Amino acid sequence: MLEQYDSLVHWRCRQLGGEVTFRYCRRLLEGLPCSRVVACWHSEFDVGAFLQSHYDPDQLKAAWNQPAPEKLVQLSELVKRATGE
């Protein structure tokens, strides 16, 4: 199940500086995982196996090769999601 770890909370996002859920990290790049998801979540569960079972190699390659969004863009997206825009 794709959403099985979504409610887990990581104490500090390296990009945002605060707590984030796995759901946020899993969907950061237009529905693809953040390029740092493995580094941040590896101690919580087997995130590599999770990614391999839910995303095809081309999707992961696209996520890993995409530059991380700027902090302001990420915060703007969070506000939009929270307000339902």
PDB file of N, CA and C in Angstrom:
ATOM      1  N   MET A   1       0.847  -1.188   0.000  1.00  0.00           N
ATOM      2  CA  MET A   1       0.000   0.000   0.000  1.00  0.00           C
ATOM      3  C   MET A   1       0.888   1.246   0.000  1.00  0.00           C
ATOM      4  N   LEU A   2       0.651   2.113  -0.924  1.00  0.00           N
ATOM      5  CA  LEU A   2       1.451   3.314  -1.107  1.00  0.00           C
ATOM      6  C   LEU A   2       1.427   4.239   0.119  1.00  0.00           C
ATOM      7  N   GLU A   3       0.312   4.312   0.805  1.00  0.00           N
ATOM      8  CA  GLU A   3       0.159   5.248   1.919  1.00  0.00           C
ATOM      9  C   GLU A   3       0.548   4.673   3.278  1.00  0.00           C
ATOM     10  N   GLN A   4       1.097   3.477   3.334  1.00  0.00           N
ATOM     11  CA  GLN A   4       1.313   2.794   4.614  1.00  0.00           C
ATOM     12  C   GLN A   4       2.226   3.539   5.579  1.00  0.00           C
ATOM     13  N   TYR A   5       3.160   4.340   5.104  1.00  0.00           N
ATOM     14  CA  TYR A   5       4.074   5.069   5.979  1.00  0.00           C
ATOM     15  C   TYR A   5       3.785   6.573   6.022  1.00  0.00           C
ATOM     16  N   ASP A   6       2.738   7.006   5.357  1.00  0.00           N
ATOM     17  CA  ASP A   6       2.461   8.437   5.211  1.00  0.00           C
ATOM     18  C   ASP A   6       2.352   9.202   6.528  1.00  0.00           C
ATOM     19  N   SER A   7       1.898   8.589   7.587  1.00  0.00           N
ATOM     20  CA  SER A   7       1.701   9.314   8.842  1.00  0.00           C
ATOM     21  C   SER A   7       2.963   9.387   9.703  1.00  0.00           C
ATOM     22  N   LEU A   8       4.030   8.690   9.314  1.00  0.00           N
ATOM     23  CA  LEU A   8       5.279   8.775  10.072  1.00  0.00           C
ATOM     24  C   LEU A   8       5.824  10.195   9.995  1.00  0.00           C
ATOM     25  N   VAL A   9       6.384  10.661  11.107  1.00  0.00           N
ATOM     26  CA  VAL A   9       6.915  12.024  11.171  1.00  0.00           C
ATOM     27  C   VAL A   9       8.422  11.967  11.376  1.00  0.00           C
ATOM     28  N   HIS A  10       9.126  12.709  10.560  1.00  0.00           N
ATOM     29  CA  HIS A  10      10.575  12.843  10.698  1.00  0.00           C
ATOM     30  C   HIS A  10      10.819  14.141  11.457  1.00  0.00           C
ATOM     31  N   TRP A  11      11.699  14.101  12.409  1.00  0.00           N
ATOM     32  CA  TRP A  11      11.901  15.244  13.304  1.00  0.00           C
ATOM     33  C   TRP A  11      12.456  16.484  12.620  1.00  0.00           C
ATOM     34  N   ARG A  12      13.175  16.322  11.506  1.00  0.00           N
ATOM     35  CA  ARG A  12      13.724  17.512  10.859  1.00  0.00           C
ATOM     36  C   ARG A  12      13.962  17.295   9.369  1.00  0.00           C
ATOM     37  N   CYS A  13      13.297  18.088   8.566  1.00  0.00           N
ATOM     38  CA  CYS A  13      13.524  18.083   7.128  1.00  0.00           C
ATOM     39  C   CYS A  13      14.772  18.927   6.848  1.00  0.00           C
ATOM     40  N   ARG A  14      15.685  18.392   6.086  1.00  0.00           N
ATOM     41  CA  ARG A  14      16.917  19.112   5.766  1.00  0.00           C
ATOM     42  C   ARG A  14      16.669  20.327   4.884  1.00  0.00           C
ATOM     43  N   GLN A  15      15.548  20.330   4.194  1.00  0.00           N
ATOM     44  CA  GLN A  15      15.237  21.469   3.319  1.00  0.00           C
ATOM     45  C   GLN A  15      14.378  22.511   4.022  1.00  0.00           C
ATOM     46  N   LEU A  16      13.382  22.059   4.784  1.00  0.00           N
ATOM     47  CA  LEU A  16      12.466  22.990   5.435  1.00  0.00           C
ATOM     48  C   LEU A  16      12.893  23.364   6.846  1.00  0.00           C
ATOM     49  N   GLY A  17      13.627  22.470   7.491  1.00  0.00           N
ATOM     50  CA  GLY A  17      14.105  22.766   8.837  1.00  0.00           C
ATOM     51  C   GLY A  17      13.163  22.357   9.953  1.00  0.00           C
ATOM     52  N   GLY A  18      12.035  21.769   9.648  1.00  0.00           N
ATOM     53  CA  GLY A  18      11.078  21.361  10.675  1.00  0.00           C
ATOM     54  C   GLY A  18      10.586  19.947  10.436  1.00  0.00           C
ATOM     55  N   GLU A  19       9.610  19.548  11.227  1.00  0.00           N
ATOM     56  CA  GLU A  19       9.032  18.216  11.103  1.00  0.00           C
ATOM     57  C   GLU A  19       8.239  18.080   9.807  1.00  0.00           C
ATOM     58  N   VAL A  20       8.327  16.888   9.220  1.00  0.00           N
ATOM     59  CA  VAL A  20       7.543  16.583   8.021  1.00  0.00           C
ATOM     60  C   VAL A  20       7.078  15.133   8.103  1.00  0.00           C
ATOM     61  N   THR A  21       5.997  14.857   7.413  1.00  0.00           N
ATOM     62  CA  THR A  21       5.525  13.476   7.325  1.00  0.00           C
ATOM     63  C   THR A  21       6.166  12.801   6.120  1.00  0.00           C
ATOM     64  N   PHE A  22       6.165  11.480   6.140  1.00  0.00           N
ATOM     65  CA  PHE A  22       6.675  10.755   4.984  1.00  0.00           C
ATOM     66  C   PHE A  22       5.834  11.073   3.758  1.00  0.00           C
ATOM     67  N   ARG A  23       4.552  11.297   3.948  1.00  0.00           N
ATOM     68  CA  ARG A  23       3.677  11.641   2.821  1.00  0.00           C
ATOM     69  C   ARG A  23       4.211  12.863   2.086  1.00  0.00           C
ATOM     70  N   TYR A  24       4.639  13.873   2.820  1.00  0.00           N
ATOM     71  CA  TYR A  24       5.187  15.071   2.199  1.00  0.00           C
ATOM     72  C   TYR A  24       6.423  14.716   1.365  1.00  0.00           C
ATOM     73  N   CYS A  25       7.325  13.937   1.949  1.00  0.00           N
ATOM     74  CA  CYS A  25       8.567  13.562   1.263  1.00  0.00           C
ATOM     75  C   CYS A  25       8.284  12.675   0.052  1.00  0.00           C
ATOM     76  N   ARG A  26       7.279  11.845   0.163  1.00  0.00           N
ATOM     77  CA  ARG A  26       6.928  10.907  -0.909  1.00  0.00           C
ATOM     78  C   ARG A  26       6.330  11.618  -2.117  1.00  0.00           C
ATOM     79  N   ARG A  27       5.755  12.779  -1.925  1.00  0.00           N
ATOM     80  CA  ARG A  27       5.040  13.479  -3.001  1.00  0.00           C
ATOM     81  C   ARG A  27       5.633  14.838  -3.350  1.00  0.00           C
ATOM     82  N   LEU A  28       6.805  15.144  -2.860  1.00  0.00           N
ATOM     83  CA  LEU A  28       7.373  16.484  -2.980  1.00  0.00           C
ATOM     84  C   LEU A  28       7.522  16.979  -4.411  1.00  0.00           C
ATOM     85  N   LEU A  29       8.041  16.164  -5.281  1.00  0.00           N
ATOM     86  CA  LEU A  29       8.369  16.598  -6.646  1.00  0.00           C
ATOM     87  C   LEU A  29       7.288  16.178  -7.631  1.00  0.00           C
ATOM     88  N   GLU A  30       6.183  16.901  -7.616  1.00  0.00           N
ATOM     89  CA  GLU A  30       5.059  16.618  -8.517  1.00  0.00           C
ATOM     90  C   GLU A  30       4.633  15.160  -8.443  1.00  0.00           C
ATOM     91  N   GLY A  31       4.496  14.660  -7.225  1.00  0.00           N
ATOM     92  CA  GLY A  31       4.054  13.289  -7.009  1.00  0.00           C
ATOM     93  C   GLY A  31       5.179  12.287  -6.888  1.00  0.00           C
ATOM     94  N   LEU A  32       6.405  12.722  -7.090  1.00  0.00           N
ATOM     95  CA  LEU A  32       7.562  11.841  -6.946  1.00  0.00           C
ATOM     96  C   LEU A  32       8.285  12.156  -5.637  1.00  0.00           C
ATOM     97  N   PRO A  33       9.021  11.194  -5.119  1.00  0.00           N
ATOM     98  CA  PRO A  33       9.706  11.400  -3.841  1.00  0.00           C
ATOM     99  C   PRO A  33      10.823  12.439  -3.922  1.00  0.00           C
ATOM    100  N   CYS A  34      11.084  13.058  -2.799  1.00  0.00           N
ATOM    101  CA  CYS A  34      12.213  13.968  -2.645  1.00  0.00           C
ATOM    102  C   CYS A  34      13.499  13.192  -2.919  1.00  0.00           C
ATOM    103  N   SER A  35      14.468  13.847  -3.493  1.00  0.00           N
ATOM    104  CA  SER A  35      15.733  13.187  -3.792  1.00  0.00           C
ATOM    105  C   SER A  35      16.489  12.786  -2.530  1.00  0.00           C
ATOM    106  N   ARG A  36      16.109  13.317  -1.384  1.00  0.00           N
ATOM    107  CA  ARG A  36      16.773  13.005  -0.116  1.00  0.00           C
ATOM    108  C   ARG A  36      16.003  11.988   0.729  1.00  0.00           C
ATOM    109  N   VAL A  37      14.943  11.430   0.193  1.00  0.00           N
ATOM    110  CA  VAL A  37      14.056  10.564   0.974  1.00  0.00           C
ATOM    111  C   VAL A  37      14.788   9.363   1.578  1.00  0.00           C
ATOM    112  N   VAL A  38      15.712   8.774   0.843  1.00  0.00           N
ATOM    113  CA  VAL A  38      16.430   7.608   1.363  1.00  0.00           C
ATOM    114  C   VAL A  38      17.331   8.015   2.521  1.00  0.00           C
ATOM    115  N   ALA A  39      18.069   9.101   2.350  1.00  0.00           N
ATOM    116  CA  ALA A  39      18.969   9.564   3.403  1.00  0.00           C
ATOM    117  C   ALA A  39      18.207   9.936   4.681  1.00  0.00           C
ATOM    118  N   CYS A  40      17.058  10.523   4.529  1.00  0.00           N
ATOM    119  CA  CYS A  40      16.299  10.981   5.697  1.00  0.00           C
ATOM    120  C   CYS A  40      15.527   9.863   6.399  1.00  0.00           C
ATOM    121  N   TRP A  41      15.022   8.896   5.661  1.00  0.00           N
ATOM    122  CA  TRP A  41      14.113   7.898   6.225  1.00  0.00           C
ATOM    123  C   TRP A  41      14.701   6.511   6.415  1.00  0.00           C
ATOM    124  N   HIS A  42      15.945   6.289   6.031  1.00  0.00           N
ATOM    125  CA  HIS A  42      16.514   4.936   6.066  1.00  0.00           C
ATOM    126  C   HIS A  42      16.508   4.302   7.456  1.00  0.00           C
ATOM    127  N   SER A  43      16.561   5.102   8.501  1.00  0.00           N
ATOM    128  CA  SER A  43      16.575   4.533   9.852  1.00  0.00           C
ATOM    129  C   SER A  43      15.176   4.190  10.371  1.00  0.00           C
ATOM    130  N   GLU A  44      14.148   4.644   9.674  1.00  0.00           N
ATOM    131  CA  GLU A  44      12.771   4.415  10.110  1.00  0.00           C
ATOM    132  C   GLU A  44      12.182   3.113   9.550  1.00  0.00           C
ATOM    133  N   PHE A  45      12.489   2.816   8.279  1.00  0.00           N
ATOM    134  CA  PHE A  45      11.998   1.603   7.630  1.00  0.00           C
ATOM    135  C   PHE A  45      12.814   1.409   6.358  1.00  0.00           C
ATOM    136  N   ASP A  46      12.615   0.309   5.678  1.00  0.00           N
ATOM    137  CA  ASP A  46      13.367   0.026   4.464  1.00  0.00           C
ATOM    138  C   ASP A  46      12.794   0.847   3.310  1.00  0.00           C
ATOM    139  N   VAL A  47      13.158   2.100   3.301  1.00  0.00           N
ATOM    140  CA  VAL A  47      12.609   3.031   2.322  1.00  0.00           C
ATOM    141  C   VAL A  47      13.042   2.665   0.898  1.00  0.00           C
ATOM    142  N   GLY A  48      14.226   2.087   0.736  1.00  0.00           N
ATOM    143  CA  GLY A  48      14.669   1.661  -0.593  1.00  0.00           C
ATOM    144  C   GLY A  48      13.754   0.609  -1.183  1.00  0.00           C
ATOM    145  N   ALA A  49      13.407  -0.385  -0.370  1.00  0.00           N
ATOM    146  CA  ALA A  49      12.490  -1.432  -0.833  1.00  0.00           C
ATOM    147  C   ALA A  49      11.109  -0.850  -1.117  1.00  0.00           C
ATOM    148  N   PHE A  50      10.667   0.072  -0.272  1.00  0.00           N
ATOM    149  CA  PHE A  50       9.377   0.721  -0.486  1.00  0.00           C
ATOM    150  C   PHE A  50       9.353   1.436  -1.833  1.00  0.00           C
ATOM    151  N   LEU A  51      10.396   2.214  -2.104  1.00  0.00           N
ATOM    152  CA  LEU A  51      10.447   2.968  -3.352  1.00  0.00           C
ATOM    153  C   LEU A  51      10.477   2.038  -4.558  1.00  0.00           C
ATOM    154  N   GLN A  52      11.267   0.982  -4.478  1.00  0.00           N
ATOM    155  CA  GLN A  52      11.356   0.040  -5.594  1.00  0.00           C
ATOM    156  C   GLN A  52      10.038  -0.675  -5.860  1.00  0.00           C
ATOM    157  N   SER A  53       9.246  -0.879  -4.818  1.00  0.00           N
ATOM    158  CA  SER A  53       7.982  -1.586  -5.019  1.00  0.00           C
ATOM    159  C   SER A  53       6.840  -0.664  -5.455  1.00  0.00           C
ATOM    160  N   HIS A  54       7.011   0.654  -5.320  1.00  0.00           N
ATOM    161  CA  HIS A  54       5.926   1.567  -5.665  1.00  0.00           C
ATOM    162  C   HIS A  54       6.224   2.516  -6.822  1.00  0.00           C
ATOM    163  N   TYR A  55       7.466   2.569  -7.238  1.00  0.00           N
ATOM    164  CA  TYR A  55       7.834   3.460  -8.337  1.00  0.00           C
ATOM    165  C   TYR A  55       8.689   2.686  -9.319  1.00  0.00           C
ATOM    166  N   ASP A  56       8.530   2.982 -10.601  1.00  0.00           N
ATOM    167  CA  ASP A  56       9.388   2.300 -11.570  1.00  0.00           C
ATOM    168  C   ASP A  56      10.730   3.041 -11.641  1.00  0.00           C
ATOM    169  N   PRO A  57      11.761   2.384 -12.172  1.00  0.00           N
ATOM    170  CA  PRO A  57      13.103   2.983 -12.214  1.00  0.00           C
ATOM    171  C   PRO A  57      13.155   4.342 -12.913  1.00  0.00           C
ATOM    172  N   ASP A  58      12.359   4.530 -13.953  1.00  0.00           N
ATOM    173  CA  ASP A  58      12.355   5.818 -14.652  1.00  0.00           C
ATOM    174  C   ASP A  58      11.807   6.937 -13.775  1.00  0.00           C
ATOM    175  N   GLN A  59      10.787   6.630 -12.981  1.00  0.00           N
ATOM    176  CA  GLN A  59      10.247   7.632 -12.061  1.00  0.00           C
ATOM    177  C   GLN A  59      11.290   8.021 -11.017  1.00  0.00           C
ATOM    178  N   LEU A  60      11.963   7.033 -10.461  1.00  0.00           N
ATOM    179  CA  LEU A  60      12.976   7.321  -9.443  1.00  0.00           C
ATOM    180  C   LEU A  60      14.146   8.090 -10.043  1.00  0.00           C
ATOM    181  N   LYS A  61      14.532   7.728 -11.239  1.00  0.00           N
ATOM    182  CA  LYS A  61      15.620   8.445 -11.905  1.00  0.00           C
ATOM    183  C   LYS A  61      15.227   9.904 -12.113  1.00  0.00           C
ATOM    184  N   ALA A  62      13.997  10.127 -12.513  1.00  0.00           N
ATOM    185  CA  ALA A  62      13.507  11.497 -12.703  1.00  0.00           C
ATOM    186  C   ALA A  62      13.520  12.270 -11.384  1.00  0.00           C
ATOM    187  N   ALA A  63      13.122  11.616 -10.315  1.00  0.00           N
ATOM    188  CA  ALA A  63      13.106  12.277  -9.005  1.00  0.00           C
ATOM    189  C   ALA A  63      14.522  12.599  -8.542  1.00  0.00           C
ATOM    190  N   TRP A  64      15.438  11.673  -8.721  1.00  0.00           N
ATOM    191  CA  TRP A  64      16.807  11.881  -8.244  1.00  0.00           C
ATOM    192  C   TRP A  64      17.542  12.932  -9.072  1.00  0.00           C
ATOM    193  N   ASN A  65      17.167  13.092 -10.333  1.00  0.00           N
ATOM    194  CA  ASN A  65      17.854  14.046 -11.208  1.00  0.00           C
ATOM    195  C   ASN A  65      17.211  15.418 -11.240  1.00  0.00           C
ATOM    196  N   GLN A  66      16.123  15.575 -10.542  1.00  0.00           N
ATOM    197  CA  GLN A  66      15.424  16.851 -10.516  1.00  0.00           C
ATOM    198  C   GLN A  66      15.991  17.713  -9.391  1.00  0.00           C
ATOM    199  N   PRO A  67      16.280  18.984  -9.652  1.00  0.00           N
ATOM    200  CA  PRO A  67      16.775  19.830  -8.562  1.00  0.00           C
ATOM    201  C   PRO A  67      15.682  20.011  -7.506  1.00  0.00           C
ATOM    202  N   ALA A  68      16.105  20.058  -6.265  1.00  0.00           N
ATOM    203  CA  ALA A  68      15.150  20.253  -5.168  1.00  0.00           C
ATOM    204  C   ALA A  68      14.539  21.646  -5.272  1.00  0.00           C
ATOM    205  N   PRO A  69      13.237  21.756  -4.996  1.00  0.00           N
ATOM    206  CA  PRO A  69      12.607  23.069  -5.044  1.00  0.00           C
ATOM    207  C   PRO A  69      13.183  23.991  -3.974  1.00  0.00           C
ATOM    208  N   GLU A  70      13.184  25.260  -4.265  1.00  0.00           N
ATOM    209  CA  GLU A  70      13.640  26.246  -3.292  1.00  0.00           C
ATOM    210  C   GLU A  70      12.708  26.235  -2.084  1.00  0.00           C
ATOM    211  N   LYS A  71      13.235  26.612  -0.951  1.00  0.00           N
ATOM    212  CA  LYS A  71      12.474  26.582   0.305  1.00  0.00           C
ATOM    213  C   LYS A  71      11.189  27.407   0.198  1.00  0.00           C
ATOM    214  N   LEU A  72      11.260  28.573  -0.388  1.00  0.00           N
ATOM    215  CA  LEU A  72      10.074  29.423  -0.512  1.00  0.00           C
ATOM    216  C   LEU A  72       9.004  28.756  -1.367  1.00  0.00           C
ATOM    217  N   VAL A  73       9.406  28.084  -2.433  1.00  0.00           N
ATOM    218  CA  VAL A  73       8.455  27.372  -3.289  1.00  0.00           C
ATOM    219  C   VAL A  73       7.803  26.242  -2.496  1.00  0.00           C
ATOM    220  N   GLN A  74       8.603  25.508  -1.719  1.00  0.00           N
ATOM    221  CA  GLN A  74       8.065  24.423  -0.905  1.00  0.00           C
ATOM    222  C   GLN A  74       7.061  24.951   0.112  1.00  0.00           C
ATOM    223  N   LEU A  75       7.396  26.043   0.773  1.00  0.00           N
ATOM    224  CA  LEU A  75       6.481  26.614   1.761  1.00  0.00           C
ATOM    225  C   LEU A  75       5.185  27.079   1.113  1.00  0.00           C
ATOM    226  N   SER A  76       5.291  27.660  -0.070  1.00  0.00           N
ATOM    227  CA  SER A  76       4.111  28.086  -0.805  1.00  0.00           C
ATOM    228  C   SER A  76       3.215  26.894  -1.132  1.00  0.00           C
ATOM    229  N   GLU A  77       3.832  25.786  -1.560  1.00  0.00           N
ATOM    230  CA  GLU A  77       3.068  24.579  -1.862  1.00  0.00           C
ATOM    231  C   GLU A  77       2.384  24.035  -0.613  1.00  0.00           C
ATOM    232  N   LEU A  78       3.069  24.067   0.516  1.00  0.00           N
ATOM    233  CA  LEU A  78       2.467  23.604   1.769  1.00  0.00           C
ATOM    234  C   LEU A  78       1.245  24.441   2.129  1.00  0.00           C
ATOM    235  N   VAL A  79       1.347  25.747   1.960  1.00  0.00           N
ATOM    236  CA  VAL A  79       0.226  26.643   2.265  1.00  0.00           C
ATOM    237  C   VAL A  79      -0.948  26.326   1.332  1.00  0.00           C
ATOM    238  N   LYS A  80      -0.685  26.133   0.046  1.00  0.00           N
ATOM    239  CA  LYS A  80      -1.741  25.806  -0.906  1.00  0.00           C
ATOM    240  C   LYS A  80      -2.443  24.511  -0.529  1.00  0.00           C
ATOM    241  N   ARG A  81      -1.657  23.509  -0.156  1.00  0.00           N
ATOM    242  CA  ARG A  81      -2.253  22.221   0.225  1.00  0.00           C
ATOM    243  C   ARG A  81      -3.080  22.345   1.497  1.00  0.00           C
ATOM    244  N   ALA A  82      -2.577  23.127   2.445  1.00  0.00           N
ATOM    245  CA  ALA A  82      -3.278  23.277   3.721  1.00  0.00           C
ATOM    246  C   ALA A  82      -4.582  24.049   3.564  1.00  0.00           C
ATOM    247  N   THR A  83      -4.606  24.999   2.629  1.00  0.00           N
ATOM    248  CA  THR A  83      -5.807  25.813   2.445  1.00  0.00           C
ATOM    249  C   THR A  83      -6.738  25.240   1.377  1.00  0.00           C
ATOM    250  N   GLY A  84      -6.306  24.158   0.723  1.00  0.00           N
ATOM    251  CA  GLY A  84      -7.156  23.520  -0.277  1.00  0.00           C
ATOM    252  C   GLY A  84      -7.201  24.224  -1.605  1.00  0.00           C
ATOM    253  N   GLU A  85      -6.241  25.077  -1.882  1.00  0.00           N
ATOM    254  CA  GLU A  85      -6.212  25.791  -3.174  1.00  0.00           C
ATOM    255  C   GLU A  85      -5.747  24.904  -4.281  1.00  0.00           C
TER     256      GLU A  85
END
